[in-house]
Amino acid sequence: VAAALQDHGRALVVGQRSFGKGSVQNILDL
């Protein structure tokens, strides 16, 4: 959300650099 609003110039971001968890997990049956 923060990245989308910042990249589109919809909002200024204040505070500290975020955590950096941008991964997608899938559940694979065994």
Full PDB file with SEQRES, HELIX, SHEET, SSBOND, CRYST1, ORIGX, SCALE, CONECT and MASTER records, all heavy atoms in Angstrom:
SEQRES   1 A   30  VAL ALA ALA ALA LEU GLN ASP HIS GLY ARG ALA LEU VAL          
SEQRES   2 A   30  VAL GLY GLN ARG SER PHE GLY LYS GLY SER VAL GLN ASN          
SEQRES   3 A   30  ILE LEU ASP LEU                                              
HELIX    1 AA1 ALA A    2  ASP A    7  1                                   6    
CRYST1    1.000    1.000    1.000  90.00  90.00  90.00 P 1           1          
ORIGX1      1.000000  0.000000  0.000000        0.00000                         
ORIGX2      0.000000  1.000000  0.000000        0.00000                         
ORIGX3      0.000000  0.000000  1.000000        0.00000                         
SCALE1      1.000000  0.000000  0.000000        0.00000                         
SCALE2      0.000000  1.000000  0.000000        0.00000                         
SCALE3      0.000000  0.000000  1.000000        0.00000                         
ATOM      1  N   VAL A   1       0.838  -1.207   0.000  1.00  0.00           N  
ATOM      2  CA  VAL A   1       0.000   0.000   0.000  1.00  0.00           C  
ATOM      3  C   VAL A   1       0.870   1.253   0.000  1.00  0.00           C  
ATOM      4  O   VAL A   1       0.655   2.179  -0.783  1.00  0.00           O  
ATOM      5  CB  VAL A   1      -0.948   0.001   1.214  1.00  0.00           C  
ATOM      6  CG1 VAL A   1      -1.709   1.315   1.304  1.00  0.00           C  
ATOM      7  CG2 VAL A   1      -1.928  -1.167   1.116  1.00  0.00           C  
ATOM      8  N   ALA A   2       1.867   1.297   0.892  1.00  0.00           N  
ATOM      9  CA  ALA A   2       2.731   2.474   0.989  1.00  0.00           C  
ATOM     10  C   ALA A   2       3.483   2.722  -0.317  1.00  0.00           C  
ATOM     11  O   ALA A   2       3.603   3.866  -0.774  1.00  0.00           O  
ATOM     12  CB  ALA A   2       3.718   2.302   2.144  1.00  0.00           C  
ATOM     13  N   ALA A   3       3.978   1.648  -0.935  1.00  0.00           N  
ATOM     14  CA  ALA A   3       4.730   1.785  -2.183  1.00  0.00           C  
ATOM     15  C   ALA A   3       3.841   2.274  -3.321  1.00  0.00           C  
ATOM     16  O   ALA A   3       4.241   3.127  -4.122  1.00  0.00           O  
ATOM     17  CB  ALA A   3       5.375   0.450  -2.550  1.00  0.00           C  
ATOM     18  N   ALA A   4       2.619   1.746  -3.401  1.00  0.00           N  
ATOM     19  CA  ALA A   4       1.698   2.146  -4.466  1.00  0.00           C  
ATOM     20  C   ALA A   4       1.354   3.632  -4.349  1.00  0.00           C  
ATOM     21  O   ALA A   4       1.372   4.374  -5.344  1.00  0.00           O  
ATOM     22  CB  ALA A   4       0.429   1.301  -4.402  1.00  0.00           C  
ATOM     23  N   LEU A   5       1.062   4.097  -3.134  1.00  0.00           N  
ATOM     24  CA  LEU A   5       0.697   5.498  -2.947  1.00  0.00           C  
ATOM     25  C   LEU A   5       1.886   6.421  -3.177  1.00  0.00           C  
ATOM     26  O   LEU A   5       1.739   7.520  -3.711  1.00  0.00           O  
ATOM     27  CB  LEU A   5       0.129   5.703  -1.536  1.00  0.00           C  
ATOM     28  CG  LEU A   5      -1.389   5.546  -1.400  1.00  0.00           C  
ATOM     29  CD1 LEU A   5      -1.850   4.160  -1.810  1.00  0.00           C  
ATOM     30  CD2 LEU A   5      -1.843   5.836   0.035  1.00  0.00           C  
ATOM     31  N   GLN A   6       3.072   5.958  -2.794  1.00  0.00           N  
ATOM     32  CA  GLN A   6       4.273   6.775  -3.003  1.00  0.00           C  
ATOM     33  C   GLN A   6       4.642   6.854  -4.488  1.00  0.00           C  
ATOM     34  O   GLN A   6       4.927   7.938  -5.003  1.00  0.00           O  
ATOM     35  CB  GLN A   6       5.441   6.185  -2.209  1.00  0.00           C  
ATOM     36  CG  GLN A   6       6.709   7.046  -2.236  1.00  0.00           C  
ATOM     37  CD  GLN A   6       7.829   6.413  -1.418  1.00  0.00           C  
ATOM     38  OE1 GLN A   6       8.174   5.249  -1.606  1.00  0.00           O  
ATOM     39  NE2 GLN A   6       8.411   7.193  -0.505  1.00  0.00           N  
ATOM     40  N   ASP A   7       4.617   5.724  -5.187  1.00  0.00           N  
ATOM     41  CA  ASP A   7       5.017   5.707  -6.595  1.00  0.00           C  
ATOM     42  C   ASP A   7       4.059   6.477  -7.484  1.00  0.00           C  
ATOM     43  O   ASP A   7       4.463   7.037  -8.508  1.00  0.00           O  
ATOM     44  CB  ASP A   7       5.132   4.260  -7.086  1.00  0.00           C  
ATOM     45  CG  ASP A   7       6.372   3.555  -6.540  1.00  0.00           C  
ATOM     46  OD1 ASP A   7       7.172   4.228  -5.861  1.00  0.00           O  
ATOM     47  OD2 ASP A   7       6.530   2.344  -6.765  1.00  0.00           O  
ATOM     48  N   HIS A   8       2.790   6.521  -7.116  1.00  0.00           N  
ATOM     49  CA  HIS A   8       1.805   7.258  -7.911  1.00  0.00           C  
ATOM     50  C   HIS A   8       1.687   8.722  -7.465  1.00  0.00           C  
ATOM     51  O   HIS A   8       0.834   9.452  -7.986  1.00  0.00           O  
ATOM     52  CB  HIS A   8       0.434   6.580  -7.817  1.00  0.00           C  
ATOM     53  CG  HIS A   8       0.315   5.334  -8.653  1.00  0.00           C  
ATOM     54  ND1 HIS A   8       0.147   5.366 -10.020  1.00  0.00           N  
ATOM     55  CD2 HIS A   8       0.367   4.021  -8.315  1.00  0.00           C  
ATOM     56  CE1 HIS A   8       0.087   4.135 -10.489  1.00  0.00           C  
ATOM     57  NE2 HIS A   8       0.219   3.285  -9.470  1.00  0.00           N  
ATOM     58  N   GLY A   9       2.520   9.133  -6.529  1.00  0.00           N  
ATOM     59  CA  GLY A   9       2.479  10.507  -6.061  1.00  0.00           C  
ATOM     60  C   GLY A   9       1.227  10.855  -5.290  1.00  0.00           C  
ATOM     61  O   GLY A   9       0.879  12.028  -5.146  1.00  0.00           O  
ATOM     62  N   ARG A  10       0.551   9.833  -4.747  1.00  0.00           N  
ATOM     63  CA  ARG A  10      -0.685  10.071  -4.008  1.00  0.00           C  
ATOM     64  C   ARG A  10      -0.432  10.431  -2.556  1.00  0.00           C  
ATOM     65  O   ARG A  10      -1.302  10.984  -1.885  1.00  0.00           O  
ATOM     66  CB  ARG A  10      -1.579   8.820  -4.070  1.00  0.00           C  
ATOM     67  CG  ARG A  10      -2.369   8.704  -5.332  1.00  0.00           C  
ATOM     68  CD  ARG A  10      -3.402   9.824  -5.442  1.00  0.00           C  
ATOM     69  NE  ARG A  10      -4.388   9.740  -4.369  1.00  0.00           N  
ATOM     70  CZ  ARG A  10      -4.533  10.635  -3.412  1.00  0.00           C  
ATOM     71  NH1 ARG A  10      -3.754  11.696  -3.334  1.00  0.00           N  
ATOM     72  NH2 ARG A  10      -5.475  10.475  -2.480  1.00  0.00           N  
ATOM     73  N   ALA A  11       0.727  10.096  -2.043  1.00  0.00           N  
ATOM     74  CA  ALA A  11       1.015  10.368  -0.638  1.00  0.00           C  
ATOM     75  C   ALA A  11       2.510  10.511  -0.425  1.00  0.00           C  
ATOM     76  O   ALA A  11       3.314   9.906  -1.140  1.00  0.00           O  
ATOM     77  CB  ALA A  11       0.468   9.247   0.251  1.00  0.00           C  
ATOM     78  N   LEU A  12       2.869  11.327   0.554  1.00  0.00           N  
ATOM     79  CA  LEU A  12       4.237  11.395   1.032  1.00  0.00           C  
ATOM     80  C   LEU A  12       4.401  10.379   2.154  1.00  0.00           C  
ATOM     81  O   LEU A  12       3.481  10.147   2.940  1.00  0.00           O  
ATOM     82  CB  LEU A  12       4.563  12.797   1.545  1.00  0.00           C  
ATOM     83  CG  LEU A  12       4.611  13.896   0.474  1.00  0.00           C  
ATOM     84  CD1 LEU A  12       4.756  15.270   1.130  1.00  0.00           C  
ATOM     85  CD2 LEU A  12       5.763  13.653  -0.493  1.00  0.00           C  
ATOM     86  N   VAL A  13       5.566   9.753   2.224  1.00  0.00           N  
ATOM     87  CA  VAL A  13       5.831   8.727   3.233  1.00  0.00           C  
ATOM     88  C   VAL A  13       6.737   9.314   4.309  1.00  0.00           C  
ATOM     89  O   VAL A  13       7.795   9.874   4.010  1.00  0.00           O  
ATOM     90  CB  VAL A  13       6.472   7.476   2.608  1.00  0.00           C  
ATOM     91  CG1 VAL A  13       6.847   6.465   3.690  1.00  0.00           C  
ATOM     92  CG2 VAL A  13       5.524   6.832   1.602  1.00  0.00           C  
ATOM     93  N   VAL A  14       6.310   9.178   5.566  1.00  0.00           N  
ATOM     94  CA  VAL A  14       7.029   9.696   6.728  1.00  0.00           C  
ATOM     95  C   VAL A  14       7.373   8.539   7.656  1.00  0.00           C  
ATOM     96  O   VAL A  14       6.598   7.584   7.785  1.00  0.00           O  
ATOM     97  CB  VAL A  14       6.173  10.741   7.481  1.00  0.00           C  
ATOM     98  CG1 VAL A  14       6.870  11.189   8.767  1.00  0.00           C  
ATOM     99  CG2 VAL A  14       5.888  11.946   6.596  1.00  0.00           C  
ATOM    100  N   GLY A  15       8.523   8.609   8.324  1.00  0.00           N  
ATOM    101  CA  GLY A  15       8.879   7.606   9.327  1.00  0.00           C  
ATOM    102  C   GLY A  15      10.217   6.968   9.064  1.00  0.00           C  
ATOM    103  O   GLY A  15      11.220   7.654   8.846  1.00  0.00           O  
ATOM    104  N   GLN A  16      10.250   5.636   9.069  1.00  0.00           N  
ATOM    105  CA  GLN A  16      11.477   4.876   8.872  1.00  0.00           C  
ATOM    106  C   GLN A  16      11.303   3.875   7.739  1.00  0.00           C  
ATOM    107  O   GLN A  16      10.178   3.497   7.400  1.00  0.00           O  
ATOM    108  CB  GLN A  16      11.846   4.108  10.149  1.00  0.00           C  
ATOM    109  CG  GLN A  16      12.263   4.984  11.312  1.00  0.00           C  
ATOM    110  CD  GLN A  16      12.435   4.188  12.591  1.00  0.00           C  
ATOM    111  OE1 GLN A  16      11.551   4.153  13.425  1.00  0.00           O  
ATOM    112  NE2 GLN A  16      13.579   3.546  12.765  1.00  0.00           N  
ATOM    113  N   ARG A  17      12.431   3.447   7.182  1.00  0.00           N  
ATOM    114  CA  ARG A  17      12.394   2.442   6.117  1.00  0.00           C  
ATOM    115  C   ARG A  17      11.689   1.183   6.599  1.00  0.00           C  
ATOM    116  O   ARG A  17      11.911   0.708   7.716  1.00  0.00           O  
ATOM    117  CB  ARG A  17      13.818   2.099   5.688  1.00  0.00           C  
ATOM    118  CG  ARG A  17      13.889   1.262   4.417  1.00  0.00           C  
ATOM    119  CD  ARG A  17      15.338   0.982   4.068  1.00  0.00           C  
ATOM    120  NE  ARG A  17      15.481   0.507   2.711  1.00  0.00           N  
ATOM    121  CZ  ARG A  17      16.658   0.228   2.138  1.00  0.00           C  
ATOM    122  NH1 ARG A  17      17.772   0.399   2.829  1.00  0.00           N  
ATOM    123  NH2 ARG A  17      16.712  -0.194   0.896  1.00  0.00           N  
ATOM    124  N   SER A  18      10.826   0.635   5.751  1.00  0.00           N  
ATOM    125  CA  SER A  18      10.016  -0.523   6.138  1.00  0.00           C  
ATOM    126  C   SER A  18      10.844  -1.802   6.207  1.00  0.00           C  
ATOM    127  O   SER A  18      12.031  -1.826   5.875  1.00  0.00           O  
ATOM    128  CB  SER A  18       8.843  -0.686   5.168  1.00  0.00           C  
ATOM    129  OG  SER A  18       9.320  -0.952   3.860  1.00  0.00           O  
ATOM    130  N   PHE A  19      10.194  -2.879   6.605  1.00  0.00           N  
ATOM    131  CA  PHE A  19      10.885  -4.137   6.910  1.00  0.00           C  
ATOM    132  C   PHE A  19      11.494  -4.819   5.677  1.00  0.00           C  
ATOM    133  O   PHE A  19      12.574  -5.383   5.733  1.00  0.00           O  
ATOM    134  CB  PHE A  19       9.909  -5.094   7.596  1.00  0.00           C  
ATOM    135  CG  PHE A  19      10.518  -6.397   8.020  1.00  0.00           C  
ATOM    136  CD1 PHE A  19      11.257  -6.476   9.181  1.00  0.00           C  
ATOM    137  CD2 PHE A  19      10.350  -7.541   7.256  1.00  0.00           C  
ATOM    138  CE1 PHE A  19      11.833  -7.681   9.582  1.00  0.00           C  
ATOM    139  CE2 PHE A  19      10.916  -8.746   7.644  1.00  0.00           C  
ATOM    140  CZ  PHE A  19      11.655  -8.811   8.815  1.00  0.00           C  
ATOM    141  N   GLY A  20      10.753  -4.813   4.561  1.00  0.00           N  
ATOM    142  CA  GLY A  20      11.252  -5.473   3.362  1.00  0.00           C  
ATOM    143  C   GLY A  20      10.816  -6.917   3.226  1.00  0.00           C  
ATOM    144  O   GLY A  20      11.606  -7.788   2.882  1.00  0.00           O  
ATOM    145  N   LYS A  21       9.525  -7.186   3.491  1.00  0.00           N  
ATOM    146  CA  LYS A  21       8.991  -8.534   3.315  1.00  0.00           C  
ATOM    147  C   LYS A  21       8.072  -8.506   2.102  1.00  0.00           C  
ATOM    148  O   LYS A  21       6.888  -8.234   2.211  1.00  0.00           O  
ATOM    149  CB  LYS A  21       8.232  -8.965   4.579  1.00  0.00           C  
ATOM    150  CG  LYS A  21       8.005 -10.482   4.698  1.00  0.00           C  
ATOM    151  CD  LYS A  21       6.852 -10.959   3.848  1.00  0.00           C  
ATOM    152  CE  LYS A  21       6.568 -12.431   4.048  1.00  0.00           C  
ATOM    153  NZ  LYS A  21       5.522 -12.942   3.146  1.00  0.00           N  
ATOM    154  N   GLY A  22       8.627  -8.806   0.943  1.00  0.00           N  
ATOM    155  CA  GLY A  22       7.853  -8.753  -0.289  1.00  0.00           C  
ATOM    156  C   GLY A  22       7.848 -10.081  -1.009  1.00  0.00           C  
ATOM    157  O   GLY A  22       8.048 -10.139  -2.227  1.00  0.00           O  
ATOM    158  N   SER A  23       7.601 -11.162  -0.283  1.00  0.00           N  
ATOM    159  CA  SER A  23       7.616 -12.489  -0.905  1.00  0.00           C  
ATOM    160  C   SER A  23       6.238 -13.123  -0.838  1.00  0.00           C  
ATOM    161  O   SER A  23       5.445 -12.844   0.055  1.00  0.00           O  
ATOM    162  CB  SER A  23       8.641 -13.402  -0.209  1.00  0.00           C  
ATOM    163  OG  SER A  23       8.353 -13.526   1.156  1.00  0.00           O  
ATOM    164  N   VAL A  24       5.963 -13.997  -1.818  1.00  0.00           N  
ATOM    165  CA  VAL A  24       4.672 -14.679  -1.945  1.00  0.00           C  
ATOM    166  C   VAL A  24       4.866 -16.155  -1.630  1.00  0.00           C  
ATOM    167  O   VAL A  24       5.738 -16.802  -2.210  1.00  0.00           O  
ATOM    168  CB  VAL A  24       4.092 -14.527  -3.374  1.00  0.00           C  
ATOM    169  CG1 VAL A  24       2.720 -15.159  -3.462  1.00  0.00           C  
ATOM    170  CG2 VAL A  24       4.062 -13.070  -3.794  1.00  0.00           C  
ATOM    171  N   GLN A  25       4.070 -16.692  -0.694  1.00  0.00           N  
ATOM    172  CA  GLN A  25       4.159 -18.110  -0.352  1.00  0.00           C  
ATOM    173  C   GLN A  25       2.945 -18.873  -0.899  1.00  0.00           C  
ATOM    174  O   GLN A  25       1.818 -18.387  -0.797  1.00  0.00           O  
ATOM    175  CB  GLN A  25       4.221 -18.308   1.169  1.00  0.00           C  
ATOM    176  CG  GLN A  25       5.578 -18.031   1.779  1.00  0.00           C  
ATOM    177  CD  GLN A  25       5.891 -16.556   1.880  1.00  0.00           C  
ATOM    178  OE1 GLN A  25       5.040 -15.760   2.262  1.00  0.00           O  
ATOM    179  NE2 GLN A  25       7.113 -16.176   1.511  1.00  0.00           N  
ATOM    180  N   ASN A  26       3.213 -20.044  -1.476  1.00  0.00           N  
ATOM    181  CA  ASN A  26       2.157 -20.945  -1.919  1.00  0.00           C  
ATOM    182  C   ASN A  26       2.156 -22.193  -1.035  1.00  0.00           C  
ATOM    183  O   ASN A  26       3.197 -22.598  -0.516  1.00  0.00           O  
ATOM    184  CB  ASN A  26       2.362 -21.371  -3.376  1.00  0.00           C  
ATOM    185  CG  ASN A  26       1.713 -20.392  -4.346  1.00  0.00           C  
ATOM    186  OD1 ASN A  26       1.130 -19.397  -3.940  1.00  0.00           O  
ATOM    187  ND2 ASN A  26       1.837 -20.666  -5.634  1.00  0.00           N  
ATOM    188  N   ILE A  27       0.983 -22.794  -0.875  1.00  0.00           N  
ATOM    189  CA  ILE A  27       0.849 -24.051  -0.135  1.00  0.00           C  
ATOM    190  C   ILE A  27       0.831 -25.190  -1.142  1.00  0.00           C  
ATOM    191  O   ILE A  27      -0.049 -25.267  -2.005  1.00  0.00           O  
ATOM    192  CB  ILE A  27      -0.443 -24.068   0.702  1.00  0.00           C  
ATOM    193  CG1 ILE A  27      -0.422 -22.936   1.740  1.00  0.00           C  
ATOM    194  CG2 ILE A  27      -0.624 -25.406   1.391  1.00  0.00           C  
ATOM    195  CD1 ILE A  27       0.666 -23.066   2.771  1.00  0.00           C  
ATOM    196  N   LEU A  28       1.824 -26.078  -1.072  1.00  0.00           N  
ATOM    197  CA  LEU A  28       1.955 -27.200  -2.002  1.00  0.00           C  
ATOM    198  C   LEU A  28       1.722 -28.503  -1.234  1.00  0.00           C  
ATOM    199  O   LEU A  28       2.397 -28.769  -0.229  1.00  0.00           O  
ATOM    200  CB  LEU A  28       3.357 -27.199  -2.630  1.00  0.00           C  
ATOM    201  CG  LEU A  28       3.781 -25.880  -3.286  1.00  0.00           C  
ATOM    202  CD1 LEU A  28       5.227 -25.959  -3.765  1.00  0.00           C  
ATOM    203  CD2 LEU A  28       2.864 -25.536  -4.448  1.00  0.00           C  
ATOM    204  N   ASP A  29       0.769 -29.288  -1.695  1.00  0.00           N  
ATOM    205  CA  ASP A  29       0.384 -30.521  -0.998  1.00  0.00           C  
ATOM    206  C   ASP A  29       1.471 -31.587  -1.067  1.00  0.00           C  
ATOM    207  O   ASP A  29       2.133 -31.774  -2.096  1.00  0.00           O  
ATOM    208  CB  ASP A  29      -0.904 -31.090  -1.602  1.00  0.00           C  
ATOM    209  CG  ASP A  29      -2.124 -30.275  -1.215  1.00  0.00           C  
ATOM    210  OD1 ASP A  29      -2.016 -29.476  -0.274  1.00  0.00           O  
ATOM    211  OD2 ASP A  29      -3.174 -30.427  -1.859  1.00  0.00           O  
ATOM    212  N   LEU A  30       1.624 -32.296   0.044  1.00  0.00           N  
ATOM    213  CA  LEU A  30       2.444 -33.502   0.126  1.00  0.00           C  
ATOM    214  C   LEU A  30       1.604 -34.581   0.804  1.00  0.00           C  
ATOM    215  O   LEU A  30       0.692 -34.268   1.565  1.00  0.00           O  
ATOM    216  CB  LEU A  30       3.705 -33.251   0.968  1.00  0.00           C  
ATOM    217  CG  LEU A  30       4.700 -32.205   0.455  1.00  0.00           C  
ATOM    218  CD1 LEU A  30       5.817 -32.022   1.480  1.00  0.00           C  
ATOM    219  CD2 LEU A  30       5.292 -32.603  -0.884  1.00  0.00           C  
TER     220      LEU A  30                                                      
MASTER        0    0    0    1    0    0    0    6  219    1    0    3          
END                                                                             
